[in-house]
Amino acid sequence: MQNPYALLLVCAVLGSATGLAQAERADRDKPMNIEADAMRYDDLKQTNVFTGNVQMTKGTIVTRGARVEVRKDAQGYQFAVVTAEPGKRAFLRQKREGVNEFMEGEGEVVEYDGRADKVTFIRRAVLRRYVGTELNDEVTGGVIVYDNVTEVFTVDAGKAGTPGGGSGRVRAVLTPQPSASAPAAPATPTQPLRPSTRLDGGKQ
């Protein structure tokens, strides 16, 4: 069942202004570079599995985790599943197009879909927006999906009491926009994310 309070919080995240700046579209065409303690290649499944302090970069994307499984489809699109050590969370950071902003997310599992240009943070998920080096907004939930094509993100609160389900509520910390009466301070213009207009309560 959808949580109406969670929906209100998600719709409030990062304001309601238009003109969303998207993530760096060129990232999907950049090579994937990975460092790890060990690698195993499965020719039958066409997958590479990296383990031990893994760091992956792809353009402006930086990902870290304990295990990364990478595969490529027949059309050349790349897919990655990043898994954290028990009790920890995997990490992904990406620059936004045209502005000095970065999206940073964490989850026990992070899934990157190169074909759909989508990132999913699973269990104890958090998504943050940085303006330069300053944290501007943050939202947490059970599952967060960030879609670079539709410029929409969705947050599923998860079920309370289940492993990684958290409290069953979406939570957000929002930085207010400067008051119209306040003196203007020189800064790089920022563009807010556009949240989805619905919550999908899909099971994990």
C-alpha atoms as a PDB file:
ATOM      1  CA  MET A   1       0.000   0.000   0.000  1.00  0.00           C
ATOM      2  CA  GLN A   2       1.278   3.449  -0.835  1.00  0.00           C
ATOM      3  CA  ASN A   3       2.169   5.715   2.045  1.00  0.00           C
ATOM      4  CA  PRO A   4       0.570   9.159   1.497  1.00  0.00           C
ATOM      5  CA  TYR A   5       2.927  10.837   3.954  1.00  0.00           C
ATOM      6  CA  ALA A   6       5.911   9.379   2.159  1.00  0.00           C
ATOM      7  CA  LEU A   7       4.526  10.633  -1.152  1.00  0.00           C
ATOM      8  CA  LEU A   8       4.178  14.164   0.221  1.00  0.00           C
ATOM      9  CA  LEU A   9       7.751  14.137   1.432  1.00  0.00           C
ATOM     10  CA  VAL A  10       9.079  12.870  -1.868  1.00  0.00           C
ATOM     11  CA  CYS A  11       7.122  15.459  -3.850  1.00  0.00           C
ATOM     12  CA  ALA A  12       8.528  18.186  -1.628  1.00  0.00           C
ATOM     13  CA  VAL A  13      12.134  17.114  -2.058  1.00  0.00           C
ATOM     14  CA  LEU A  14      14.338  19.723  -3.663  1.00  0.00           C
ATOM     15  CA  GLY A  15      11.490  22.109  -4.500  1.00  0.00           C
ATOM     16  CA  SER A  16       9.138  22.386  -7.433  1.00  0.00           C
ATOM     17  CA  ALA A  17      11.131  24.520  -9.858  1.00  0.00           C
ATOM     18  CA  THR A  18      11.445  23.411 -13.473  1.00  0.00           C
ATOM     19  CA  GLY A  19      14.478  23.088 -15.746  1.00  0.00           C
ATOM     20  CA  LEU A  20      16.065  19.985 -14.258  1.00  0.00           C
ATOM     21  CA  ALA A  21      19.743  19.489 -14.956  1.00  0.00           C
ATOM     22  CA  GLN A  22      20.330  15.888 -15.840  1.00  0.00           C
ATOM     23  CA  ALA A  23      23.217  13.625 -14.938  1.00  0.00           C
ATOM     24  CA  GLU A  24      26.165  13.586 -17.314  1.00  0.00           C
ATOM     25  CA  ARG A  25      24.761  11.838 -20.390  1.00  0.00           C
ATOM     26  CA  ALA A  26      28.257  11.223 -21.761  1.00  0.00           C
ATOM     27  CA  ASP A  27      28.979   8.861 -18.858  1.00  0.00           C
ATOM     28  CA  ARG A  28      27.106   5.960 -20.451  1.00  0.00           C
ATOM     29  CA  ASP A  29      29.501   5.989 -23.429  1.00  0.00           C
ATOM     30  CA  LYS A  30      32.684   6.132 -21.370  1.00  0.00           C
ATOM     31  CA  PRO A  31      34.790   3.025 -20.657  1.00  0.00           C
ATOM     32  CA  MET A  32      34.345   1.285 -17.322  1.00  0.00           C
ATOM     33  CA  ASN A  33      37.554   1.116 -15.252  1.00  0.00           C
ATOM     34  CA  ILE A  34      37.706  -1.183 -12.222  1.00  0.00           C
ATOM     35  CA  GLU A  35      40.274  -1.866  -9.524  1.00  0.00           C
ATOM     36  CA  ALA A  36      39.914  -4.776  -7.065  1.00  0.00           C
ATOM     37  CA  ASP A  37      41.841  -7.368  -5.067  1.00  0.00           C
ATOM     38  CA  ALA A  38      40.656 -10.211  -7.309  1.00  0.00           C
ATOM     39  CA  MET A  39      38.689 -10.871 -10.516  1.00  0.00           C
ATOM     40  CA  ARG A  40      36.894 -13.907 -11.924  1.00  0.00           C
ATOM     41  CA  TYR A  41      35.639 -14.075 -15.517  1.00  0.00           C
ATOM     42  CA  ASP A  42      32.778 -16.403 -16.472  1.00  0.00           C
ATOM     43  CA  ASP A  43      32.836 -16.939 -20.229  1.00  0.00           C
ATOM     44  CA  LEU A  44      29.545 -18.857 -20.226  1.00  0.00           C
ATOM     45  CA  LYS A  45      27.643 -16.050 -18.492  1.00  0.00           C
ATOM     46  CA  GLN A  46      29.793 -13.294 -20.016  1.00  0.00           C
ATOM     47  CA  THR A  47      30.309 -11.710 -16.608  1.00  0.00           C
ATOM     48  CA  ASN A  48      33.263 -10.326 -14.680  1.00  0.00           C
ATOM     49  CA  VAL A  49      33.128 -10.550 -10.880  1.00  0.00           C
ATOM     50  CA  PHE A  50      35.471  -8.282  -8.930  1.00  0.00           C
ATOM     51  CA  THR A  51      35.963  -8.735  -5.189  1.00  0.00           C
ATOM     52  CA  GLY A  52      37.852  -6.978  -2.396  1.00  0.00           C
ATOM     53  CA  ASN A  53      37.850  -3.206  -1.987  1.00  0.00           C
ATOM     54  CA  VAL A  54      36.404  -2.625  -5.460  1.00  0.00           C
ATOM     55  CA  GLN A  55      36.373   0.834  -7.058  1.00  0.00           C
ATOM     56  CA  MET A  56      34.719   1.422 -10.421  1.00  0.00           C
ATOM     57  CA  THR A  57      34.816   4.619 -12.500  1.00  0.00           C
ATOM     58  CA  LYS A  58      32.882   5.400 -15.672  1.00  0.00           C
ATOM     59  CA  GLY A  59      33.162   9.023 -16.773  1.00  0.00           C
ATOM     60  CA  THR A  60      32.072  11.096 -13.761  1.00  0.00           C
ATOM     61  CA  ILE A  61      30.588   8.018 -12.059  1.00  0.00           C
ATOM     62  CA  VAL A  62      32.545   6.675  -9.081  1.00  0.00           C
ATOM     63  CA  THR A  63      31.360   3.498  -7.344  1.00  0.00           C
ATOM     64  CA  ARG A  64      32.770   1.592  -4.372  1.00  0.00           C
ATOM     65  CA  GLY A  65      31.808  -1.727  -2.797  1.00  0.00           C
ATOM     66  CA  ALA A  66      33.025  -5.129  -1.645  1.00  0.00           C
ATOM     67  CA  ARG A  67      31.869  -6.960  -4.801  1.00  0.00           C
ATOM     68  CA  VAL A  68      31.020  -5.798  -8.310  1.00  0.00           C
ATOM     69  CA  GLU A  69      29.527  -8.017 -10.997  1.00  0.00           C
ATOM     70  CA  VAL A  70      29.693  -6.569 -14.508  1.00  0.00           C
ATOM     71  CA  ARG A  71      28.095  -7.849 -17.688  1.00  0.00           C
ATOM     72  CA  LYS A  72      27.593  -6.514 -21.204  1.00  0.00           C
ATOM     73  CA  ASP A  73      24.677  -7.301 -23.505  1.00  0.00           C
ATOM     74  CA  ALA A  74      24.793  -7.977 -27.251  1.00  0.00           C
ATOM     75  CA  GLN A  75      24.313  -4.284 -28.020  1.00  0.00           C
ATOM     76  CA  GLY A  76      27.304  -3.333 -25.880  1.00  0.00           C
ATOM     77  CA  TYR A  77      25.417  -1.804 -22.934  1.00  0.00           C
ATOM     78  CA  GLN A  78      27.049  -2.337 -19.554  1.00  0.00           C
ATOM     79  CA  PHE A  79      25.345  -3.429 -16.344  1.00  0.00           C
ATOM     80  CA  ALA A  80      26.819  -3.588 -12.855  1.00  0.00           C
ATOM     81  CA  VAL A  81      25.651  -4.839  -9.461  1.00  0.00           C
ATOM     82  CA  VAL A  82      27.645  -3.444  -6.537  1.00  0.00           C
ATOM     83  CA  THR A  83      27.328  -5.201  -3.181  1.00  0.00           C
ATOM     84  CA  ALA A  84      28.593  -3.895   0.150  1.00  0.00           C
ATOM     85  CA  GLU A  85      30.235  -5.763   2.988  1.00  0.00           C
ATOM     86  CA  PRO A  86      27.788  -7.016   5.639  1.00  0.00           C
ATOM     87  CA  GLY A  87      26.579  -4.098   7.737  1.00  0.00           C
ATOM     88  CA  LYS A  88      27.914  -1.502   5.303  1.00  0.00           C
ATOM     89  CA  ARG A  89      26.604   0.259   2.189  1.00  0.00           C
ATOM     90  CA  ALA A  90      27.904   0.502  -1.363  1.00  0.00           C
ATOM     91  CA  PHE A  91      28.474   3.985  -2.785  1.00  0.00           C
ATOM     92  CA  LEU A  92      27.882   5.787  -6.094  1.00  0.00           C
ATOM     93  CA  ARG A  93      28.588   9.411  -7.049  1.00  0.00           C
ATOM     94  CA  GLN A  94      27.860  11.187 -10.346  1.00  0.00           C
ATOM     95  CA  LYS A  95      28.123  14.771 -11.618  1.00  0.00           C
ATOM     96  CA  ARG A  96      25.029  16.527 -12.940  1.00  0.00           C
ATOM     97  CA  GLU A  97      25.086  18.013 -16.431  1.00  0.00           C
ATOM     98  CA  GLY A  98      25.823  21.719 -16.789  1.00  0.00           C
ATOM     99  CA  VAL A  99      26.019  22.654 -13.081  1.00  0.00           C
ATOM    100  CA  ASN A 100      28.492  22.294 -10.230  1.00  0.00           C
ATOM    101  CA  GLU A 101      26.350  19.651  -8.554  1.00  0.00           C
ATOM    102  CA  PHE A 102      26.813  15.999  -7.664  1.00  0.00           C
ATOM    103  CA  MET A 103      24.367  13.208  -6.857  1.00  0.00           C
ATOM    104  CA  GLU A 104      25.624  10.760  -4.252  1.00  0.00           C
ATOM    105  CA  GLY A 105      23.837   7.626  -3.129  1.00  0.00           C
ATOM    106  CA  GLU A 106      24.321   4.587  -0.925  1.00  0.00           C
ATOM    107  CA  GLY A 107      22.618   1.246  -0.400  1.00  0.00           C
ATOM    108  CA  GLU A 108      23.478  -2.289   0.601  1.00  0.00           C
ATOM    109  CA  VAL A 109      23.175  -3.048  -3.126  1.00  0.00           C
ATOM    110  CA  VAL A 110      23.585  -0.568  -5.993  1.00  0.00           C
ATOM    111  CA  GLU A 111      22.457  -1.559  -9.496  1.00  0.00           C
ATOM    112  CA  TYR A 112      23.617   0.321 -12.598  1.00  0.00           C
ATOM    113  CA  ASP A 113      21.672  -0.208 -15.841  1.00  0.00           C
ATOM    114  CA  GLY A 114      23.558   1.247 -18.796  1.00  0.00           C
ATOM    115  CA  ARG A 115      20.783   0.554 -21.289  1.00  0.00           C
ATOM    116  CA  ALA A 116      18.027   2.291 -19.298  1.00  0.00           C
ATOM    117  CA  ASP A 117      20.508   4.830 -17.847  1.00  0.00           C
ATOM    118  CA  LYS A 118      19.158   4.140 -14.380  1.00  0.00           C
ATOM    119  CA  VAL A 119      20.652   3.589 -10.906  1.00  0.00           C
ATOM    120  CA  THR A 120      18.860   1.735  -8.097  1.00  0.00           C
ATOM    121  CA  PHE A 121      19.897   1.893  -4.431  1.00  0.00           C
ATOM    122  CA  ILE A 122      18.503  -1.051  -2.459  1.00  0.00           C
ATOM    123  CA  ARG A 123      18.057  -1.411   1.317  1.00  0.00           C
ATOM    124  CA  ARG A 124      18.951   1.411   3.718  1.00  0.00           C
ATOM    125  CA  ALA A 125      19.069   3.655   0.660  1.00  0.00           C
ATOM    126  CA  VAL A 126      20.045   7.313   0.741  1.00  0.00           C
ATOM    127  CA  LEU A 127      20.316   9.912  -2.045  1.00  0.00           C
ATOM    128  CA  ARG A 128      22.055  13.264  -1.546  1.00  0.00           C
ATOM    129  CA  ARG A 129      22.512  16.360  -3.701  1.00  0.00           C
ATOM    130  CA  TYR A 130      25.678  18.417  -3.268  1.00  0.00           C
ATOM    131  CA  VAL A 131      26.140  21.937  -4.584  1.00  0.00           C
ATOM    132  CA  GLY A 132      29.896  22.021  -4.971  1.00  0.00           C
ATOM    133  CA  THR A 133      31.080  20.440  -1.730  1.00  0.00           C
ATOM    134  CA  GLU A 134      28.059  21.512   0.344  1.00  0.00           C
ATOM    135  CA  LEU A 135      25.278  19.057   1.141  1.00  0.00           C
ATOM    136  CA  ASN A 136      22.029  20.603  -0.061  1.00  0.00           C
ATOM    137  CA  ASP A 137      19.308  17.919   0.192  1.00  0.00           C
ATOM    138  CA  GLU A 138      18.959  14.319   1.329  1.00  0.00           C
ATOM    139  CA  VAL A 139      16.254  11.649   1.109  1.00  0.00           C
ATOM    140  CA  THR A 140      16.248   8.137   2.604  1.00  0.00           C
ATOM    141  CA  GLY A 141      14.086   5.050   2.131  1.00  0.00           C
ATOM    142  CA  GLY A 142      14.088   1.332   1.468  1.00  0.00           C
ATOM    143  CA  VAL A 143      14.664   1.600  -2.305  1.00  0.00           C
ATOM    144  CA  ILE A 144      15.572   4.665  -4.381  1.00  0.00           C
ATOM    145  CA  VAL A 145      15.523   4.619  -8.201  1.00  0.00           C
ATOM    146  CA  TYR A 146      17.232   7.488 -10.050  1.00  0.00           C
ATOM    147  CA  ASP A 147      16.314   7.589 -13.756  1.00  0.00           C
ATOM    148  CA  ASN A 148      18.613   9.789 -15.854  1.00  0.00           C
ATOM    149  CA  VAL A 149      16.424   9.522 -18.971  1.00  0.00           C
ATOM    150  CA  THR A 150      13.082  10.654 -17.521  1.00  0.00           C
ATOM    151  CA  GLU A 151      14.836  12.914 -14.979  1.00  0.00           C
ATOM    152  CA  VAL A 152      12.716  11.391 -12.211  1.00  0.00           C
ATOM    153  CA  PHE A 153      13.552   9.627  -8.966  1.00  0.00           C
ATOM    154  CA  THR A 154      11.232   7.462  -6.878  1.00  0.00           C
ATOM    155  CA  VAL A 155      11.521   6.403  -3.247  1.00  0.00           C
ATOM    156  CA  ASP A 156       9.929   3.298  -1.740  1.00  0.00           C
ATOM    157  CA  ALA A 157       9.879   3.489   2.053  1.00  0.00           C
ATOM    158  CA  GLY A 158      10.087  -0.275   2.476  1.00  0.00           C
ATOM    159  CA  LYS A 159       8.335  -2.322   5.125  1.00  0.00           C
ATOM    160  CA  ALA A 160       9.115  -1.617   8.755  1.00  0.00           C
ATOM    161  CA  GLY A 161      10.563  -4.558  10.620  1.00  0.00           C
ATOM    162  CA  THR A 162      12.026  -6.277   7.546  1.00  0.00           C
ATOM    163  CA  PRO A 163      15.811  -6.554   7.027  1.00  0.00           C
ATOM    164  CA  GLY A 164      16.921  -3.270   5.499  1.00  0.00           C
ATOM    165  CA  GLY A 165      13.339  -2.019   5.506  1.00  0.00           C
ATOM    166  CA  GLY A 166      14.025   0.763   7.961  1.00  0.00           C
ATOM    167  CA  SER A 167      11.114   2.510   9.619  1.00  0.00           C
ATOM    168  CA  GLY A 168       8.688   2.100   6.737  1.00  0.00           C
ATOM    169  CA  ARG A 169       8.720   5.854   6.108  1.00  0.00           C
ATOM    170  CA  VAL A 170      10.473   8.072   3.586  1.00  0.00           C
ATOM    171  CA  ARG A 171      12.502  10.806   5.265  1.00  0.00           C
ATOM    172  CA  ALA A 172      13.879  13.981   3.712  1.00  0.00           C
ATOM    173  CA  VAL A 173      16.077  16.871   4.811  1.00  0.00           C
ATOM    174  CA  LEU A 174      15.540  19.916   2.579  1.00  0.00           C
ATOM    175  CA  THR A 175      17.595  23.090   2.383  1.00  0.00           C
ATOM    176  CA  PRO A 176      15.357  26.168   2.012  1.00  0.00           C
ATOM    177  CA  GLN A 177      15.784  28.432  -0.981  1.00  0.00           C
ATOM    178  CA  PRO A 178      17.228  31.890  -0.195  1.00  0.00           C
ATOM    179  CA  SER A 179      14.601  34.465   0.774  1.00  0.00           C
ATOM    180  CA  ALA A 180      13.661  37.025  -1.873  1.00  0.00           C
ATOM    181  CA  SER A 181      14.492  39.787   0.624  1.00  0.00           C
ATOM    182  CA  ALA A 182      17.900  38.358   1.452  1.00  0.00           C
ATOM    183  CA  PRO A 183      20.919  39.882  -0.313  1.00  0.00           C
ATOM    184  CA  ALA A 184      21.963  37.856  -3.324  1.00  0.00           C
ATOM    185  CA  ALA A 185      25.144  35.888  -2.869  1.00  0.00           C
ATOM    186  CA  PRO A 186      27.308  34.961  -5.861  1.00  0.00           C
ATOM    187  CA  ALA A 187      26.906  31.269  -6.482  1.00  0.00           C
ATOM    188  CA  THR A 188      26.564  28.759  -9.271  1.00  0.00           C
ATOM    189  CA  PRO A 189      22.880  28.429 -10.254  1.00  0.00           C
ATOM    190  CA  THR A 190      21.424  25.125  -9.146  1.00  0.00           C
ATOM    191  CA  GLN A 191      18.668  23.067 -10.663  1.00  0.00           C
ATOM    192  CA  PRO A 192      16.440  20.862  -8.484  1.00  0.00           C
ATOM    193  CA  LEU A 193      15.689  17.227  -9.085  1.00  0.00           C
ATOM    194  CA  ARG A 194      12.168  16.384 -10.136  1.00  0.00           C
ATOM    195  CA  PRO A 195      10.600  13.682  -7.947  1.00  0.00           C
ATOM    196  CA  SER A 196       8.046  11.266  -9.316  1.00  0.00           C
ATOM    197  CA  THR A 197       4.358  11.937  -8.894  1.00  0.00           C
ATOM    198  CA  ARG A 198       3.675   8.463  -7.569  1.00  0.00           C
ATOM    199  CA  LEU A 199       5.174   5.826  -5.341  1.00  0.00           C
ATOM    200  CA  ASP A 200       5.610   2.268  -6.566  1.00  0.00           C
ATOM    201  CA  GLY A 201       5.447  -0.134  -3.651  1.00  0.00           C
ATOM    202  CA  GLY A 202       7.255  -2.923  -5.464  1.00  0.00           C
ATOM    203  CA  LYS A 203       8.475  -5.878  -3.421  1.00  0.00           C
ATOM    204  CA  GLN A 204      12.161  -6.555  -3.172  1.00  0.00           C
END
